[in-house]
Amino acid sequence: MSNNKHDIITFGRSSIDLYSQNIGAPFNLIKGFDAFVGGSPLNIAVGCSRLGLDASLLSAVGEDKVGEFLINFLTEEGVNITNVPTKKGTRTSAVILGIEPPDKFPLVYYRDNASDSQVDIDDVDRANISDYKVLLINGTAMNIEPTRSATFHATEIALKSDLEVVLDLDFRADQWHDYRAFGVTMRAILPRVKIAIGTEEEILAATMENVSQVEIKDQQISAPEIKGDIDLAIKKILATGVETLIVKRGEKGASIHSHDGTMTSVPGFPVEILNVLGAGDAFASGFLYGIINDWDLYKSCRMGNASGAHVVTQKGCANFMPTLEQSLEFINKNGGF
């Protein structure tokens, strides 16, 4: 990739994340919380910065102390905050999260009048997206106006400027007025995307291909149970023009699906899981580090898997993203690339 551009700009959610201090406790018995930061695009920007990339965030905060908390953290992490304006009359987002390993991680969003949902077309124009190598967009940022139109506008600029557009599907069912609207919107944006990243559930939600069951069991858990034909769903996404679809498979690693129909499995790294929240964002940051450094897809996914494995052993998301030295040491100790 060209060396005369900034590495990456990520667009979308930013929040304060309040994580349970009582690991294993049911949500209603939590006694205290640790204050971290979160939001998928913010996490990815921080993860990229810790790996040594020149990363910027395109988001927004409110005129409040929580916004100051986020800005201070991002500044200390070396993330460019030029494009994180303060939106008067809005509130910086918040999320409250429980930790009940191995498989329960309930969370509650506070996103009414969310600042990052007010990023508009003018904010995108001011961000000078053409000065970057990669634009990372996020599914949740398209759940409401004006960020929906702003995201589409950002992809128009990126395509005209020959940037790589990467989409993190980031399906949060309770953030959409109708879960089917997520699929409609993703199918509209996918023809503008070069690389898409998602879990099997997110891919099924994006395509609604032969989905036999959609059930949101608990509004505190934003990932519904979705069952369907994943192979057909993958083919449908690739048929939109996406060159590469990366399927995140948790402890099993990831799989690379190309528009020519080929599939490559990339093994993960076995670790003892404390908290899965943020693992996908860590994967994305490690993967994007590889892409920006012209690594092949397999090696980039191994880097992503290593970053994800690091974060699932930690209590939070952005605050615990690995450095480049930590990731490389971890990979070398666990079989290499």
Protein backbone atom coordinates (compact mmCIF):
# COMPACT_ATOMS: atom_id res chain seq x y z
CA MET A 1 0.00 0.00 0.00
CA SER A 2 1.00 3.61 -0.54
CA ASN A 3 3.28 4.98 2.14
CA ASN A 4 2.15 8.59 1.82
CA LYS A 5 -1.19 8.05 3.54
CA HIS A 6 -2.31 7.49 7.11
CA ASP A 7 -2.97 3.83 7.86
CA ILE A 8 -6.58 3.53 8.97
CA ILE A 9 -9.68 5.43 10.01
CA THR A 10 -12.45 3.59 11.85
CA PHE A 11 -16.01 4.93 11.85
CA GLY A 12 -18.74 4.34 14.41
CA ARG A 13 -19.51 3.60 18.05
CA SER A 14 -17.61 4.89 21.08
CA SER A 15 -18.63 4.48 24.71
CA ILE A 16 -17.69 4.12 28.32
CA ASP A 17 -17.88 0.43 29.28
CA LEU A 18 -18.66 -0.50 32.86
CA TYR A 19 -17.48 -4.08 33.45
CA SER A 20 -18.55 -6.17 36.41
CA GLN A 21 -15.92 -6.51 39.11
CA ASN A 22 -17.62 -9.70 40.28
CA ILE A 23 -16.66 -12.30 37.71
CA GLY A 24 -19.18 -15.12 37.66
CA ALA A 25 -21.86 -13.19 39.53
CA PRO A 26 -25.34 -13.00 38.01
CA PHE A 27 -26.07 -9.54 36.63
CA ASN A 28 -28.47 -8.58 39.42
CA LEU A 29 -25.87 -9.46 42.07
CA ILE A 30 -23.03 -7.32 40.71
CA LYS A 31 -21.54 -5.19 43.49
CA GLY A 32 -19.22 -2.89 41.51
CA PHE A 33 -17.89 -1.97 38.07
CA ASP A 34 -14.57 -1.06 36.46
CA ALA A 35 -14.65 1.85 34.02
CA PHE A 36 -13.11 1.07 30.63
CA VAL A 37 -13.83 2.29 27.10
CA GLY A 38 -15.54 0.47 24.25
CA GLY A 39 -17.46 0.51 21.03
CA SER A 40 -16.24 -1.69 18.20
CA PRO A 41 -14.65 1.03 16.00
CA LEU A 42 -12.99 2.63 19.03
CA ASN A 43 -11.65 -0.75 20.15
CA ILE A 44 -10.27 -1.46 16.69
CA ALA A 45 -8.62 1.96 16.46
CA VAL A 46 -6.94 1.43 19.85
CA GLY A 47 -5.90 -2.09 18.90
CA CYS A 48 -4.35 -0.84 15.66
CA SER A 49 -2.56 1.99 17.47
CA ARG A 50 -1.08 -0.40 20.04
CA LEU A 51 0.26 -2.51 17.19
CA GLY A 52 2.02 0.56 15.81
CA LEU A 53 -0.37 1.72 13.10
CA ASP A 54 -1.30 5.34 12.45
CA ALA A 55 -4.95 5.09 13.50
CA SER A 56 -7.78 7.62 13.60
CA LEU A 57 -11.32 7.38 14.95
CA LEU A 58 -14.33 9.01 13.32
CA SER A 59 -16.98 9.18 16.03
CA ALA A 60 -18.43 11.74 18.44
CA VAL A 61 -18.86 12.40 22.16
CA GLY A 62 -21.29 14.48 24.16
CA GLU A 63 -20.63 17.66 26.08
CA ASP A 64 -20.19 15.64 29.26
CA LYS A 65 -17.61 14.11 31.58
CA VAL A 66 -17.93 10.71 29.95
CA GLY A 67 -16.86 12.26 26.66
CA GLU A 68 -13.84 13.77 28.39
CA PHE A 69 -13.03 10.31 29.79
CA LEU A 70 -13.01 8.82 26.27
CA ILE A 71 -10.99 11.65 24.74
CA ASN A 72 -8.36 11.40 27.47
CA PHE A 73 -8.01 7.65 26.97
CA LEU A 74 -7.75 7.92 23.17
CA THR A 75 -5.16 10.68 23.45
CA GLU A 76 -3.02 8.60 25.79
CA GLU A 77 -3.30 5.67 23.37
CA GLY A 78 -2.05 7.73 20.43
CA VAL A 79 -5.29 7.49 18.45
CA ASN A 80 -5.94 10.57 16.31
CA ILE A 81 -9.05 12.27 17.76
CA THR A 82 -9.25 15.15 15.26
CA ASN A 83 -12.44 13.59 13.92
CA VAL A 84 -14.18 12.99 17.25
CA PRO A 85 -16.26 16.17 17.63
CA THR A 86 -18.37 17.11 20.63
CA LYS A 87 -22.06 17.08 19.73
CA LYS A 88 -24.03 19.53 21.86
CA GLY A 89 -27.32 18.25 23.21
CA THR A 90 -26.27 14.60 23.02
CA ARG A 91 -24.87 12.06 25.46
CA THR A 92 -21.76 9.92 25.16
CA SER A 93 -22.79 6.27 24.97
CA ALA A 94 -22.48 3.82 27.85
CA VAL A 95 -22.59 0.05 28.15
CA ILE A 96 -22.90 -2.06 31.32
CA LEU A 97 -21.46 -5.56 31.06
CA GLY A 98 -21.56 -8.71 33.13
CA ILE A 99 -18.94 -11.47 33.08
CA GLU A 100 -20.24 -14.99 33.67
CA PRO A 101 -17.81 -17.35 31.96
CA PRO A 102 -17.75 -19.58 30.05
CA ASP A 103 -20.72 -18.49 27.96
CA LYS A 104 -22.79 -15.75 29.60
CA PHE A 105 -21.78 -12.13 29.02
CA PRO A 106 -24.95 -10.03 29.39
CA LEU A 107 -24.79 -6.38 28.44
CA VAL A 108 -27.07 -3.36 28.47
CA TYR A 109 -26.70 -0.42 26.07
CA TYR A 110 -27.45 3.21 26.92
CA ARG A 111 -27.62 4.79 23.48
CA ASP A 112 -30.66 7.08 23.58
CA ASN A 113 -29.58 10.34 21.93
CA ALA A 114 -26.11 8.82 21.41
CA SER A 115 -23.43 11.27 20.30
CA ASP A 116 -21.80 8.86 17.84
CA SER A 117 -25.16 8.39 16.08
CA GLN A 118 -25.07 12.10 15.20
CA VAL A 119 -21.95 11.93 13.02
CA ASP A 120 -23.12 13.40 9.73
CA ILE A 121 -22.03 13.96 6.15
CA ASP A 122 -20.23 17.20 7.06
CA ASP A 123 -18.21 15.33 9.69
CA VAL A 124 -17.23 12.79 7.06
CA ASP A 125 -16.15 15.52 4.66
CA ARG A 126 -13.99 17.09 7.37
CA ALA A 127 -12.33 13.73 8.09
CA ASN A 128 -10.39 13.71 4.79
CA ILE A 129 -10.95 9.99 4.33
CA SER A 130 -9.00 10.03 1.07
CA ASP A 131 -5.84 10.56 3.14
CA TYR A 132 -6.04 6.99 4.54
CA LYS A 133 -5.22 3.53 3.25
CA VAL A 134 -8.15 1.73 4.89
CA LEU A 135 -11.66 2.78 5.95
CA LEU A 136 -13.27 0.51 8.54
CA ILE A 137 -17.05 0.88 8.73
CA ASN A 138 -19.37 -0.68 11.26
CA GLY A 139 -22.82 -2.22 11.03
CA THR A 140 -24.29 -0.54 14.10
CA ALA A 141 -23.40 2.92 12.78
CA MET A 142 -25.99 2.36 10.05
CA ASN A 143 -28.94 1.68 12.36
CA ILE A 144 -30.12 5.30 12.40
CA GLU A 145 -29.72 8.65 10.68
CA PRO A 146 -27.56 10.66 10.26
CA THR A 147 -24.77 8.07 10.69
CA ARG A 148 -26.38 5.77 8.13
CA SER A 149 -26.08 8.30 5.31
CA ALA A 150 -22.71 9.43 6.62
CA THR A 151 -21.40 5.86 6.36
CA PHE A 152 -22.60 5.49 2.78
CA HIS A 153 -21.04 8.86 1.99
CA ALA A 154 -17.74 7.73 3.51
CA THR A 155 -17.70 4.67 1.27
CA GLU A 156 -18.33 6.83 -1.80
CA ILE A 157 -15.26 8.91 -0.95
CA ALA A 158 -13.23 5.78 -0.26
CA LEU A 159 -14.11 4.18 -3.59
CA LYS A 160 -13.29 7.34 -5.52
CA SER A 161 -9.95 7.54 -3.68
CA ASP A 162 -9.05 3.86 -4.13
CA LEU A 163 -9.16 3.05 -0.41
CA GLU A 164 -9.85 -0.43 0.86
CA VAL A 165 -13.26 -0.50 2.54
CA VAL A 166 -13.57 -3.05 5.35
CA LEU A 167 -16.93 -3.77 7.00
CA ASP A 168 -17.28 -5.18 10.49
CA LEU A 169 -20.87 -6.47 10.46
CA ASP A 170 -21.29 -5.90 14.24
CA PHE A 171 -24.91 -7.07 14.51
CA ARG A 172 -26.55 -5.76 17.68
CA ALA A 173 -30.18 -6.81 17.37
CA ASP A 174 -31.54 -4.52 20.06
CA GLN A 175 -30.08 -1.48 18.29
CA TRP A 176 -32.38 -1.94 15.28
CA HIS A 177 -36.11 -1.22 15.17
CA ASP A 178 -36.44 -4.51 13.24
CA TYR A 179 -33.65 -7.08 12.98
CA ARG A 180 -34.52 -7.49 9.28
CA ALA A 181 -33.54 -3.85 8.72
CA PHE A 182 -29.98 -4.82 9.57
CA GLY A 183 -29.95 -7.28 6.67
CA VAL A 184 -31.52 -4.82 4.23
CA THR A 185 -28.92 -2.19 5.13
CA MET A 186 -25.95 -4.55 5.01
CA ARG A 187 -26.97 -5.85 1.58
CA ALA A 188 -27.10 -2.26 0.35
CA ILE A 189 -23.59 -1.42 1.61
CA LEU A 190 -21.82 -4.70 0.77
CA PRO A 191 -21.28 -3.91 -2.96
CA ARG A 192 -19.01 -1.05 -1.77
CA VAL A 193 -16.96 -3.32 0.51
CA LYS A 194 -13.73 -5.16 -0.29
CA ILE A 195 -13.40 -7.19 2.92
CA ALA A 196 -16.25 -8.10 5.28
CA ILE A 197 -15.74 -9.54 8.76
CA GLY A 198 -18.37 -11.26 10.87
CA THR A 199 -19.49 -14.23 12.91
CA GLU A 200 -21.77 -16.91 11.45
CA GLU A 201 -24.73 -15.33 13.23
CA GLU A 202 -23.93 -11.90 11.80
CA ILE A 203 -23.58 -13.33 8.30
CA LEU A 204 -26.94 -15.08 8.58
CA ALA A 205 -28.54 -11.87 9.87
CA ALA A 206 -27.03 -9.90 6.99
CA THR A 207 -28.41 -12.23 4.33
CA MET A 208 -31.44 -13.88 5.99
CA GLU A 209 -30.59 -16.83 3.73
CA ASN A 210 -32.80 -19.80 4.67
CA VAL A 211 -32.95 -18.63 8.28
CA SER A 212 -35.20 -21.01 10.18
CA GLN A 213 -35.17 -19.38 13.60
CA VAL A 214 -34.63 -15.87 14.88
CA GLU A 215 -35.17 -15.45 18.58
CA ILE A 216 -33.96 -12.74 20.92
CA LYS A 217 -34.06 -14.55 24.24
CA ASP A 218 -32.88 -11.69 26.41
CA GLN A 219 -32.80 -8.01 25.50
CA GLN A 220 -29.67 -7.70 27.63
CA ILE A 221 -27.88 -10.05 25.23
CA SER A 222 -27.63 -8.31 21.89
CA ALA A 223 -26.76 -11.40 19.83
CA PRO A 224 -29.94 -13.34 19.03
CA GLU A 225 -30.00 -17.03 18.28
CA ILE A 226 -30.04 -17.29 14.51
CA LYS A 227 -29.99 -20.60 12.70
CA GLY A 228 -29.79 -21.06 8.94
CA ASP A 229 -27.75 -22.22 5.98
CA ILE A 230 -24.36 -20.59 6.60
CA ASP A 231 -22.86 -21.87 3.34
CA LEU A 232 -25.60 -20.23 1.28
CA ALA A 233 -25.29 -17.05 3.35
CA ILE A 234 -21.54 -16.87 2.68
CA LYS A 235 -22.14 -17.32 -1.06
CA LYS A 236 -24.76 -14.59 -1.00
CA ILE A 237 -22.39 -12.10 0.61
CA LEU A 238 -19.62 -12.91 -1.88
CA ALA A 239 -22.14 -12.51 -4.73
CA THR A 240 -22.54 -8.83 -3.79
CA GLY A 241 -19.01 -8.14 -5.02
CA VAL A 242 -17.15 -8.52 -1.71
CA GLU A 243 -13.70 -9.90 -2.54
CA THR A 244 -13.05 -11.54 0.82
CA LEU A 245 -15.29 -12.60 3.70
CA ILE A 246 -13.61 -13.41 7.01
CA VAL A 247 -15.72 -15.61 9.29
CA LYS A 248 -14.76 -15.33 12.96
CA ARG A 249 -15.15 -18.72 14.65
CA GLY A 250 -14.04 -18.00 18.21
CA GLU A 251 -11.66 -20.57 19.68
CA LYS A 252 -11.67 -22.39 16.33
CA GLY A 253 -9.97 -19.41 14.69
CA ALA A 254 -11.29 -18.00 11.43
CA SER A 255 -12.00 -18.95 7.85
CA ILE A 256 -11.22 -17.01 4.69
CA HIS A 257 -13.81 -17.12 1.90
CA SER A 258 -12.89 -15.64 -1.48
CA HIS A 259 -15.12 -14.57 -4.36
CA ASP A 260 -13.66 -17.37 -6.50
CA GLY A 261 -15.25 -19.90 -4.13
CA THR A 262 -12.13 -20.98 -2.25
CA MET A 263 -12.06 -21.36 1.53
CA THR A 264 -9.07 -21.49 3.86
CA SER A 265 -9.28 -22.33 7.58
CA VAL A 266 -6.97 -20.46 9.93
CA PRO A 267 -6.53 -22.17 13.34
CA GLY A 268 -6.93 -20.23 16.54
CA PHE A 269 -4.86 -20.28 19.71
CA PRO A 270 -6.19 -22.28 22.68
CA VAL A 271 -6.42 -20.17 25.84
CA GLU A 272 -8.55 -20.16 28.98
CA ILE A 273 -11.43 -17.78 28.33
CA LEU A 274 -12.34 -15.15 30.89
CA ASN A 275 -14.37 -12.72 28.77
CA VAL A 276 -15.24 -12.96 25.06
CA LEU A 277 -16.43 -9.35 24.78
CA GLY A 278 -14.03 -7.39 22.57
CA ALA A 279 -12.34 -10.47 21.13
CA GLY A 280 -13.77 -9.81 17.67
CA ASP A 281 -12.51 -6.23 17.74
CA ALA A 282 -9.06 -7.45 18.77
CA PHE A 283 -9.17 -9.91 15.88
CA ALA A 284 -10.02 -7.09 13.48
CA SER A 285 -7.15 -4.91 14.69
CA GLY A 286 -4.62 -7.72 14.32
CA PHE A 287 -6.01 -8.70 10.93
CA LEU A 288 -5.92 -5.11 9.69
CA TYR A 289 -2.35 -4.73 10.90
CA GLY A 290 -1.44 -7.55 8.56
CA ILE A 291 -3.44 -6.18 5.62
CA ILE A 292 -1.92 -2.72 5.95
CA ASN A 293 1.55 -4.27 6.07
CA ASP A 294 0.84 -6.28 2.89
CA TRP A 295 0.74 -9.65 4.62
CA ASP A 296 -1.28 -12.40 2.98
CA LEU A 297 -4.75 -13.17 4.30
CA TYR A 298 -3.69 -16.31 6.18
CA LYS A 299 -0.91 -14.59 8.10
CA SER A 300 -3.17 -11.59 8.76
CA CYS A 301 -5.82 -13.88 10.23
CA ARG A 302 -3.25 -15.59 12.44
CA MET A 303 -2.31 -12.15 13.75
CA GLY A 304 -5.99 -11.46 14.32
CA ASN A 305 -6.46 -14.76 16.12
CA ALA A 306 -3.51 -13.97 18.39
CA SER A 307 -4.94 -10.57 19.30
CA GLY A 308 -8.33 -12.12 19.99
CA ALA A 309 -6.79 -14.87 22.14
CA HIS A 310 -5.00 -12.23 24.20
CA VAL A 311 -8.15 -10.22 24.88
CA VAL A 312 -10.39 -13.15 25.89
CA THR A 313 -8.07 -13.68 28.86
CA GLN A 314 -8.68 -10.09 30.04
CA LYS A 315 -11.52 -8.23 31.78
CA GLY A 316 -12.20 -5.63 29.10
CA CYS A 317 -11.81 -4.55 25.48
CA ALA A 318 -9.75 -1.56 24.33
CA ASN A 319 -7.88 -1.22 27.61
CA PHE A 320 -6.37 -4.68 27.14
CA MET A 321 -5.48 -4.74 23.45
CA PRO A 322 -2.03 -6.31 22.89
CA THR A 323 1.06 -4.49 21.68
CA LEU A 324 2.96 -5.71 18.64
CA GLU A 325 5.66 -7.21 20.86
CA GLN A 326 3.07 -9.10 22.93
CA SER A 327 1.32 -10.48 19.85
CA LEU A 328 4.50 -11.62 18.12
CA GLU A 329 5.82 -13.22 21.29
CA PHE A 330 2.51 -15.02 21.79
CA ILE A 331 2.50 -16.30 18.21
CA ASN A 332 6.12 -17.48 18.40
CA LYS A 333 5.38 -19.39 21.60
CA ASN A 334 2.33 -21.05 20.06
CA GLY A 335 3.49 -22.48 16.77
CA GLY A 336 4.28 -19.34 14.79
CA PHE A 337 2.43 -18.05 11.77
